[in-house]
Amino acid sequence: MLHVAPWFWFAVVTLVTWGVVGLLQKLSTNYISAESSLVWLVVGFLLLEPLFYPGKAVLHYSGWNLTWALVSGALNALGPGRCLPP
């Protein structure tokens, strides 16, 4: 039997779940706006994260980490598609 490193399976799960998320977001924009789709994606992640990672660390982020998360989200929302002229 072929031995595969454990990190490989974590990478496979990540790629598959991001693929499913991308597909569902693409399909959802037929019925709701892209902004609403993104909001519901975040809500879904916040609801499912404690189930997949039941450790206490998920609920105890530091202020520094939350600041970086908000800055990262804001910069992502202001990405190249929004900054370039039409």
PDB file of N, CA and C in Angstrom:
ATOM      1  N   MET A   1       0.846  -1.186   0.000  1.00  0.00           N
ATOM      2  CA  MET A   1       0.000   0.000   0.000  1.00  0.00           C
ATOM      3  C   MET A   1       0.888   1.245   0.000  1.00  0.00           C
ATOM      4  N   LEU A   2       0.440   2.258  -0.670  1.00  0.00           N
ATOM      5  CA  LEU A   2       1.183   3.503  -0.801  1.00  0.00           C
ATOM      6  C   LEU A   2       1.039   4.349   0.458  1.00  0.00           C
ATOM      7  N   HIS A   3       2.175   4.768   1.014  1.00  0.00           N
ATOM      8  CA  HIS A   3       2.149   5.626   2.197  1.00  0.00           C
ATOM      9  C   HIS A   3       2.201   7.085   1.762  1.00  0.00           C
ATOM     10  N   VAL A   4       1.239   7.858   2.220  1.00  0.00           N
ATOM     11  CA  VAL A   4       1.170   9.283   1.888  1.00  0.00           C
ATOM     12  C   VAL A   4       1.257  10.061   3.190  1.00  0.00           C
ATOM     13  N   ALA A   5       2.030  11.134   3.167  1.00  0.00           N
ATOM     14  CA  ALA A   5       2.204  11.957   4.366  1.00  0.00           C
ATOM     15  C   ALA A   5       0.865  12.568   4.797  1.00  0.00           C
ATOM     16  N   PRO A   6       0.667  12.708   6.121  1.00  0.00           N
ATOM     17  CA  PRO A   6      -0.599  13.265   6.619  1.00  0.00           C
ATOM     18  C   PRO A   6      -0.906  14.659   6.080  1.00  0.00           C
ATOM     19  N   TRP A   7       0.118  15.492   5.856  1.00  0.00           N
ATOM     20  CA  TRP A   7      -0.141  16.838   5.354  1.00  0.00           C
ATOM     21  C   TRP A   7      -0.831  16.809   4.002  1.00  0.00           C
ATOM     22  N   PHE A   8      -0.570  15.762   3.228  1.00  0.00           N
ATOM     23  CA  PHE A   8      -1.178  15.652   1.909  1.00  0.00           C
ATOM     24  C   PHE A   8      -2.695  15.587   2.005  1.00  0.00           C
ATOM     25  N   TRP A   9      -3.198  14.829   2.976  1.00  0.00           N
ATOM     26  CA  TRP A   9      -4.653  14.692   3.122  1.00  0.00           C
ATOM     27  C   TRP A   9      -5.287  15.996   3.579  1.00  0.00           C
ATOM     28  N   PHE A  10      -4.592  16.745   4.437  1.00  0.00           N
ATOM     29  CA  PHE A  10      -5.102  18.058   4.835  1.00  0.00           C
ATOM     30  C   PHE A  10      -5.180  18.979   3.615  1.00  0.00           C
ATOM     31  N   ALA A  11      -4.163  18.910   2.751  1.00  0.00           N
ATOM     32  CA  ALA A  11      -4.161  19.735   1.537  1.00  0.00           C
ATOM     33  C   ALA A  11      -5.288  19.324   0.590  1.00  0.00           C
ATOM     34  N   VAL A  12      -5.523  18.027   0.454  1.00  0.00           N
ATOM     35  CA  VAL A  12      -6.596  17.542  -0.414  1.00  0.00           C
ATOM     36  C   VAL A  12      -7.951  18.002   0.106  1.00  0.00           C
ATOM     37  N   VAL A  13      -8.178  17.876   1.397  1.00  0.00           N
ATOM     38  CA  VAL A  13      -9.451  18.314   1.983  1.00  0.00           C
ATOM     39  C   VAL A  13      -9.641  19.818   1.760  1.00  0.00           C
ATOM     40  N   THR A  14      -8.576  20.587   1.949  1.00  0.00           N
ATOM     41  CA  THR A  14      -8.660  22.036   1.741  1.00  0.00           C
ATOM     42  C   THR A  14      -9.012  22.359   0.296  1.00  0.00           C
ATOM     43  N   LEU A  15      -8.341  21.732  -0.650  1.00  0.00           N
ATOM     44  CA  LEU A  15      -8.616  22.002  -2.059  1.00  0.00           C
ATOM     45  C   LEU A  15     -10.030  21.600  -2.462  1.00  0.00           C
ATOM     46  N   VAL A  16     -10.489  20.457  -1.981  1.00  0.00           N
ATOM     47  CA  VAL A  16     -11.837  20.000  -2.321  1.00  0.00           C
ATOM     48  C   VAL A  16     -12.889  20.933  -1.726  1.00  0.00           C
ATOM     49  N   THR A  17     -12.712  21.317  -0.463  1.00  0.00           N
ATOM     50  CA  THR A  17     -13.711  22.190   0.164  1.00  0.00           C
ATOM     51  C   THR A  17     -13.726  23.575  -0.474  1.00  0.00           C
ATOM     52  N   TRP A  18     -12.558  24.110  -0.842  1.00  0.00           N
ATOM     53  CA  TRP A  18     -12.532  25.409  -1.522  1.00  0.00           C
ATOM     54  C   TRP A  18     -13.170  25.288  -2.904  1.00  0.00           C
ATOM     55  N   GLY A  19     -13.011  24.151  -3.556  1.00  0.00           N
ATOM     56  CA  GLY A  19     -13.673  23.938  -4.839  1.00  0.00           C
ATOM     57  C   GLY A  19     -15.178  23.914  -4.694  1.00  0.00           C
ATOM     58  N   VAL A  20     -15.663  23.240  -3.655  1.00  0.00           N
ATOM     59  CA  VAL A  20     -17.104  23.193  -3.393  1.00  0.00           C
ATOM     60  C   VAL A  20     -17.626  24.593  -3.076  1.00  0.00           C
ATOM     61  N   VAL A  21     -16.887  25.341  -2.262  1.00  0.00           N
ATOM     62  CA  VAL A  21     -17.282  26.711  -1.929  1.00  0.00           C
ATOM     63  C   VAL A  21     -17.362  27.564  -3.190  1.00  0.00           C
ATOM     64  N   GLY A  22     -16.351  27.470  -4.038  1.00  0.00           N
ATOM     65  CA  GLY A  22     -16.355  28.245  -5.278  1.00  0.00           C
ATOM     66  C   GLY A  22     -17.531  27.897  -6.178  1.00  0.00           C
ATOM     67  N   LEU A  23     -17.820  26.609  -6.301  1.00  0.00           N
ATOM     68  CA  LEU A  23     -18.945  26.173  -7.118  1.00  0.00           C
ATOM     69  C   LEU A  23     -20.262  26.683  -6.551  1.00  0.00           C
ATOM     70  N   LEU A  24     -20.447  26.535  -5.253  1.00  0.00           N
ATOM     71  CA  LEU A  24     -21.697  26.986  -4.638  1.00  0.00           C
ATOM     72  C   LEU A  24     -21.852  28.498  -4.700  1.00  0.00           C
ATOM     73  N   GLN A  25     -20.745  29.241  -4.555  1.00  0.00           N
ATOM     74  CA  GLN A  25     -20.840  30.690  -4.685  1.00  0.00           C
ATOM     75  C   GLN A  25     -21.211  31.079  -6.110  1.00  0.00           C
ATOM     76  N   LYS A  26     -20.629  30.406  -7.086  1.00  0.00           N
ATOM     77  CA  LYS A  26     -20.949  30.704  -8.479  1.00  0.00           C
ATOM     78  C   LYS A  26     -22.417  30.413  -8.761  1.00  0.00           C
ATOM     79  N   LEU A  27     -22.905  29.295  -8.271  1.00  0.00           N
ATOM     80  CA  LEU A  27     -24.316  28.958  -8.482  1.00  0.00           C
ATOM     81  C   LEU A  27     -25.246  29.895  -7.726  1.00  0.00           C
ATOM     82  N   SER A  28     -24.829  30.333  -6.538  1.00  0.00           N
ATOM     83  CA  SER A  28     -25.709  31.198  -5.732  1.00  0.00           C
ATOM     84  C   SER A  28     -25.881  32.581  -6.338  1.00  0.00           C
ATOM     85  N   THR A  29     -24.908  33.041  -7.126  1.00  0.00           N
ATOM     86  CA  THR A  29     -25.032  34.379  -7.704  1.00  0.00           C
ATOM     87  C   THR A  29     -26.074  34.433  -8.813  1.00  0.00           C
ATOM     88  N   ASN A  30     -26.657  33.301  -9.177  1.00  0.00           N
ATOM     89  CA  ASN A  30     -27.804  33.318 -10.088  1.00  0.00           C
ATOM     90  C   ASN A  30     -29.055  33.821  -9.375  1.00  0.00           C
ATOM     91  N   TYR A  31     -29.051  33.750  -8.041  1.00  0.00           N
ATOM     92  CA  TYR A  31     -30.238  34.091  -7.267  1.00  0.00           C
ATOM     93  C   TYR A  31     -30.037  35.268  -6.321  1.00  0.00           C
ATOM     94  N   ILE A  32     -28.821  35.483  -5.854  1.00  0.00           N
ATOM     95  CA  ILE A  32     -28.534  36.594  -4.944  1.00  0.00           C
ATOM     96  C   ILE A  32     -27.285  37.327  -5.437  1.00  0.00           C
ATOM     97  N   SER A  33     -27.038  38.500  -4.871  1.00  0.00           N
ATOM     98  CA  SER A  33     -25.876  39.282  -5.295  1.00  0.00           C
ATOM     99  C   SER A  33     -24.577  38.635  -4.802  1.00  0.00           C
ATOM    100  N   ALA A  34     -23.475  39.022  -5.436  1.00  0.00           N
ATOM    101  CA  ALA A  34     -22.166  38.491  -5.043  1.00  0.00           C
ATOM    102  C   ALA A  34     -21.825  38.904  -3.615  1.00  0.00           C
ATOM    103  N   GLU A  35     -22.225  40.107  -3.225  1.00  0.00           N
ATOM    104  CA  GLU A  35     -21.957  40.569  -1.860  1.00  0.00           C
ATOM    105  C   GLU A  35     -22.708  39.718  -0.833  1.00  0.00           C
ATOM    106  N   SER A  36     -23.969  39.417  -1.124  1.00  0.00           N
ATOM    107  CA  SER A  36     -24.748  38.564  -0.216  1.00  0.00           C
ATOM    108  C   SER A  36     -24.154  37.161  -0.149  1.00  0.00           C
ATOM    109  N   SER A  37     -23.691  36.664  -1.274  1.00  0.00           N
ATOM    110  CA  SER A  37     -23.063  35.345  -1.296  1.00  0.00           C
ATOM    111  C   SER A  37     -21.827  35.316  -0.401  1.00  0.00           C
ATOM    112  N   LEU A  38     -21.027  36.385  -0.455  1.00  0.00           N
ATOM    113  CA  LEU A  38     -19.835  36.454   0.386  1.00  0.00           C
ATOM    114  C   LEU A  38     -20.196  36.535   1.866  1.00  0.00           C
ATOM    115  N   VAL A  39     -21.230  37.310   2.185  1.00  0.00           N
ATOM    116  CA  VAL A  39     -21.662  37.420   3.583  1.00  0.00           C
ATOM    117  C   VAL A  39     -22.105  36.059   4.101  1.00  0.00           C
ATOM    118  N   TRP A  40     -22.886  35.332   3.310  1.00  0.00           N
ATOM    119  CA  TRP A  40     -23.346  34.018   3.758  1.00  0.00           C
ATOM    120  C   TRP A  40     -22.208  33.004   3.832  1.00  0.00           C
ATOM    121  N   LEU A  41     -21.189  33.172   2.991  1.00  0.00           N
ATOM    122  CA  LEU A  41     -19.999  32.325   3.091  1.00  0.00           C
ATOM    123  C   LEU A  41     -19.321  32.524   4.438  1.00  0.00           C
ATOM    124  N   VAL A  42     -19.153  33.767   4.833  1.00  0.00           N
ATOM    125  CA  VAL A  42     -18.513  34.071   6.114  1.00  0.00           C
ATOM    126  C   VAL A  42     -19.359  33.540   7.271  1.00  0.00           C
ATOM    127  N   VAL A  43     -20.666  33.729   7.204  1.00  0.00           N
ATOM    128  CA  VAL A  43     -21.544  33.215   8.254  1.00  0.00           C
ATOM    129  C   VAL A  43     -21.415  31.697   8.346  1.00  0.00           C
ATOM    130  N   GLY A  44     -21.379  31.036   7.213  1.00  0.00           N
ATOM    131  CA  GLY A  44     -21.220  29.579   7.209  1.00  0.00           C
ATOM    132  C   GLY A  44     -19.907  29.136   7.812  1.00  0.00           C
ATOM    133  N   PHE A  45     -18.827  29.848   7.466  1.00  0.00           N
ATOM    134  CA  PHE A  45     -17.528  29.506   8.055  1.00  0.00           C
ATOM    135  C   PHE A  45     -17.543  29.699   9.568  1.00  0.00           C
ATOM    136  N   LEU A  46     -18.145  30.783  10.026  1.00  0.00           N
ATOM    137  CA  LEU A  46     -18.183  31.034  11.474  1.00  0.00           C
ATOM    138  C   LEU A  46     -19.005  29.985  12.209  1.00  0.00           C
ATOM    139  N   LEU A  47     -20.042  29.480  11.582  1.00  0.00           N
ATOM    140  CA  LEU A  47     -20.867  28.455  12.217  1.00  0.00           C
ATOM    141  C   LEU A  47     -20.218  27.074  12.176  1.00  0.00           C
ATOM    142  N   LEU A  48     -19.505  26.771  11.098  1.00  0.00           N
ATOM    143  CA  LEU A  48     -18.927  25.432  10.952  1.00  0.00           C
ATOM    144  C   LEU A  48     -17.537  25.290  11.562  1.00  0.00           C
ATOM    145  N   GLU A  49     -16.820  26.388  11.719  1.00  0.00           N
ATOM    146  CA  GLU A  49     -15.446  26.295  12.235  1.00  0.00           C
ATOM    147  C   GLU A  49     -15.367  25.608  13.592  1.00  0.00           C
ATOM    148  N   PRO A  50     -16.219  25.922  14.562  1.00  0.00           N
ATOM    149  CA  PRO A  50     -16.121  25.219  15.850  1.00  0.00           C
ATOM    150  C   PRO A  50     -16.382  23.717  15.750  1.00  0.00           C
ATOM    151  N   LEU A  51     -17.133  23.291  14.738  1.00  0.00           N
ATOM    152  CA  LEU A  51     -17.374  21.856  14.577  1.00  0.00           C
ATOM    153  C   LEU A  51     -16.141  21.130  14.052  1.00  0.00           C
ATOM    154  N   PHE A  52     -15.421  21.779  13.138  1.00  0.00           N
ATOM    155  CA  PHE A  52     -14.235  21.146  12.559  1.00  0.00           C
ATOM    156  C   PHE A  52     -13.004  21.319  13.433  1.00  0.00           C
ATOM    157  N   TYR A  53     -12.973  22.379  14.228  1.00  0.00           N
ATOM    158  CA  TYR A  53     -11.856  22.616  15.137  1.00  0.00           C
ATOM    159  C   TYR A  53     -12.431  22.924  16.509  1.00  0.00           C
ATOM    160  N   PRO A  54     -12.681  21.885  17.296  1.00  0.00           N
ATOM    161  CA  PRO A  54     -13.357  22.093  18.572  1.00  0.00           C
ATOM    162  C   PRO A  54     -12.466  22.638  19.688  1.00  0.00           C
ATOM    163  N   GLY A  55     -11.234  23.021  19.397  1.00  0.00           N
ATOM    164  CA  GLY A  55     -10.342  23.552  20.426  1.00  0.00           C
ATOM    165  C   GLY A  55     -10.796  24.909  20.930  1.00  0.00           C
ATOM    166  N   LYS A  56     -10.290  25.309  22.079  1.00  0.00           N
ATOM    167  CA  LYS A  56     -10.671  26.591  22.666  1.00  0.00           C
ATOM    168  C   LYS A  56     -10.018  27.771  21.947  1.00  0.00           C
ATOM    169  N   ALA A  57      -8.945  27.534  21.208  1.00  0.00           N
ATOM    170  CA  ALA A  57      -8.213  28.624  20.570  1.00  0.00           C
ATOM    171  C   ALA A  57      -9.056  29.371  19.546  1.00  0.00           C
ATOM    172  N   VAL A  58     -10.035  28.721  18.936  1.00  0.00           N
ATOM    173  CA  VAL A  58     -10.861  29.372  17.922  1.00  0.00           C
ATOM    174  C   VAL A  58     -11.633  30.540  18.522  1.00  0.00           C
ATOM    175  N   LEU A  59     -12.060  30.395  19.752  1.00  0.00           N
ATOM    176  CA  LEU A  59     -12.891  31.426  20.382  1.00  0.00           C
ATOM    177  C   LEU A  59     -12.072  32.451  21.164  1.00  0.00           C
ATOM    178  N   HIS A  60     -10.769  32.351  21.148  1.00  0.00           N
ATOM    179  CA  HIS A  60      -9.925  33.243  21.937  1.00  0.00           C
ATOM    180  C   HIS A  60      -8.869  33.929  21.072  1.00  0.00           C
ATOM    181  N   TYR A  61      -9.308  34.580  20.009  1.00  0.00           N
ATOM    182  CA  TYR A  61      -8.374  35.329  19.174  1.00  0.00           C
ATOM    183  C   TYR A  61      -7.946  36.594  19.897  1.00  0.00           C
ATOM    184  N   SER A  62      -6.702  36.996  19.703  1.00  0.00           N
ATOM    185  CA  SER A  62      -6.237  38.235  20.315  1.00  0.00           C
ATOM    186  C   SER A  62      -6.717  39.425  19.482  1.00  0.00           C
ATOM    187  N   GLY A  63      -6.658  40.587  20.059  1.00  0.00           N
ATOM    188  CA  GLY A  63      -7.040  41.802  19.353  1.00  0.00           C
ATOM    189  C   GLY A  63      -6.175  42.047  18.135  1.00  0.00           C
ATOM    190  N   TRP A  64      -4.895  41.712  18.248  1.00  0.00           N
ATOM    191  CA  TRP A  64      -3.965  41.863  17.126  1.00  0.00           C
ATOM    192  C   TRP A  64      -4.392  40.981  15.953  1.00  0.00           C
ATOM    193  N   ASN A  65      -4.753  39.730  16.235  1.00  0.00           N
ATOM    194  CA  ASN A  65      -5.190  38.819  15.175  1.00  0.00           C
ATOM    195  C   ASN A  65      -6.483  39.295  14.525  1.00  0.00           C
ATOM    196  N   LEU A  66      -7.409  39.785  15.337  1.00  0.00           N
ATOM    197  CA  LEU A  66      -8.663  40.284  14.781  1.00  0.00           C
ATOM    198  C   LEU A  66      -8.429  41.516  13.913  1.00  0.00           C
ATOM    199  N   THR A  67      -7.501  42.365  14.323  1.00  0.00           N
ATOM    200  CA  THR A  67      -7.174  43.548  13.523  1.00  0.00           C
ATOM    201  C   THR A  67      -6.622  43.140  12.165  1.00  0.00           C
ATOM    202  N   TRP A  68      -5.687  42.202  12.160  1.00  0.00           N
ATOM    203  CA  TRP A  68      -5.120  41.739  10.892  1.00  0.00           C
ATOM    204  C   TRP A  68      -6.187  41.070  10.025  1.00  0.00           C
ATOM    205  N   ALA A  69      -7.108  40.345  10.628  1.00  0.00           N
ATOM    206  CA  ALA A  69      -8.176  39.708   9.862  1.00  0.00           C
ATOM    207  C   ALA A  69      -9.070  40.758   9.210  1.00  0.00           C
ATOM    208  N   LEU A  70      -9.405  41.809   9.947  1.00  0.00           N
ATOM    209  CA  LEU A  70     -10.242  42.870   9.384  1.00  0.00           C
ATOM    210  C   LEU A  70      -9.518  43.634   8.282  1.00  0.00           C
ATOM    211  N   VAL A  71      -8.239  43.924   8.489  1.00  0.00           N
ATOM    212  CA  VAL A  71      -7.462  44.615   7.452  1.00  0.00           C
ATOM    213  C   VAL A  71      -7.353  43.737   6.207  1.00  0.00           C
ATOM    214  N   SER A  72      -7.105  42.460   6.408  1.00  0.00           N
ATOM    215  CA  SER A  72      -7.011  41.535   5.280  1.00  0.00           C
ATOM    216  C   SER A  72      -8.333  41.477   4.511  1.00  0.00           C
ATOM    217  N   GLY A  73      -9.439  41.397   5.220  1.00  0.00           N
ATOM    218  CA  GLY A  73     -10.752  41.379   4.564  1.00  0.00           C
ATOM    219  C   GLY A  73     -11.036  42.660   3.815  1.00  0.00           C
ATOM    220  N   ALA A  74     -10.673  43.797   4.407  1.00  0.00           N
ATOM    221  CA  ALA A  74     -10.898  45.082   3.737  1.00  0.00           C
ATOM    222  C   ALA A  74     -10.054  45.191   2.474  1.00  0.00           C
ATOM    223  N   LEU A  75      -8.800  44.784   2.553  1.00  0.00           N
ATOM    224  CA  LEU A  75      -7.946  44.835   1.366  1.00  0.00           C
ATOM    225  C   LEU A  75      -8.419  43.858   0.299  1.00  0.00           C
ATOM    226  N   ASN A  76      -8.935  42.729   0.715  1.00  0.00           N
ATOM    227  CA  ASN A  76      -9.473  41.765  -0.234  1.00  0.00           C
ATOM    228  C   ASN A  76     -10.697  42.345  -0.935  1.00  0.00           C
ATOM    229  N   ALA A  77     -11.544  43.053  -0.189  1.00  0.00           N
ATOM    230  CA  ALA A  77     -12.739  43.660  -0.776  1.00  0.00           C
ATOM    231  C   ALA A  77     -12.374  44.792  -1.730  1.00  0.00           C
ATOM    232  N   LEU A  78     -11.233  45.428  -1.509  1.00  0.00           N
ATOM    233  CA  LEU A  78     -10.773  46.518  -2.364  1.00  0.00           C
ATOM    234  C   LEU A  78      -9.795  46.026  -3.421  1.00  0.00           C
ATOM    235  N   GLY A  79      -9.867  44.759  -3.752  1.00  0.00           N
ATOM    236  CA  GLY A  79      -8.906  44.140  -4.670  1.00  0.00           C
ATOM    237  C   GLY A  79      -8.845  44.795  -6.035  1.00  0.00           C
ATOM    238  N   PRO A  80      -8.029  44.251  -6.926  1.00  0.00           N
ATOM    239  CA  PRO A  80      -7.769  44.858  -8.227  1.00  0.00           C
ATOM    240  C   PRO A  80      -9.026  45.100  -9.056  1.00  0.00           C
ATOM    241  N   GLY A  81     -10.018  44.252  -8.902  1.00  0.00           N
ATOM    242  CA  GLY A  81     -11.243  44.424  -9.685  1.00  0.00           C
ATOM    243  C   GLY A  81     -11.980  45.709  -9.356  1.00  0.00           C
ATOM    244  N   ARG A  82     -11.828  46.203  -8.155  1.00  0.00           N
ATOM    245  CA  ARG A  82     -12.524  47.423  -7.739  1.00  0.00           C
ATOM    246  C   ARG A  82     -11.676  48.669  -7.952  1.00  0.00           C
ATOM    247  N   CYS A  83     -10.377  48.518  -8.036  1.00  0.00           N
ATOM    248  CA  CYS A  83      -9.490  49.669  -8.129  1.00  0.00           C
ATOM    249  C   CYS A  83      -9.230  50.105  -9.569  1.00  0.00           C
ATOM    250  N   LEU A  84      -9.399  49.207 -10.511  1.00  0.00           N
ATOM    251  CA  LEU A  84      -9.112  49.542 -11.902  1.00  0.00           C
ATOM    252  C   LEU A  84     -10.312  50.265 -12.526  1.00  0.00           C
ATOM    253  N   PRO A  85     -10.058  51.236 -13.378  1.00  0.00           N
ATOM    254  CA  PRO A  85     -11.184  51.901 -14.047  1.00  0.00           C
ATOM    255  C   PRO A  85     -11.882  50.955 -15.004  1.00  0.00           C
ATOM    256  N   PRO A  86     -13.164  51.175 -15.223  1.00  0.00           N
ATOM    257  CA  PRO A  86     -13.933  50.261 -16.108  1.00  0.00           C
ATOM    258  C   PRO A  86     -13.500  50.333 -17.547  1.00  0.00           C
TER     259      PRO A  86
END
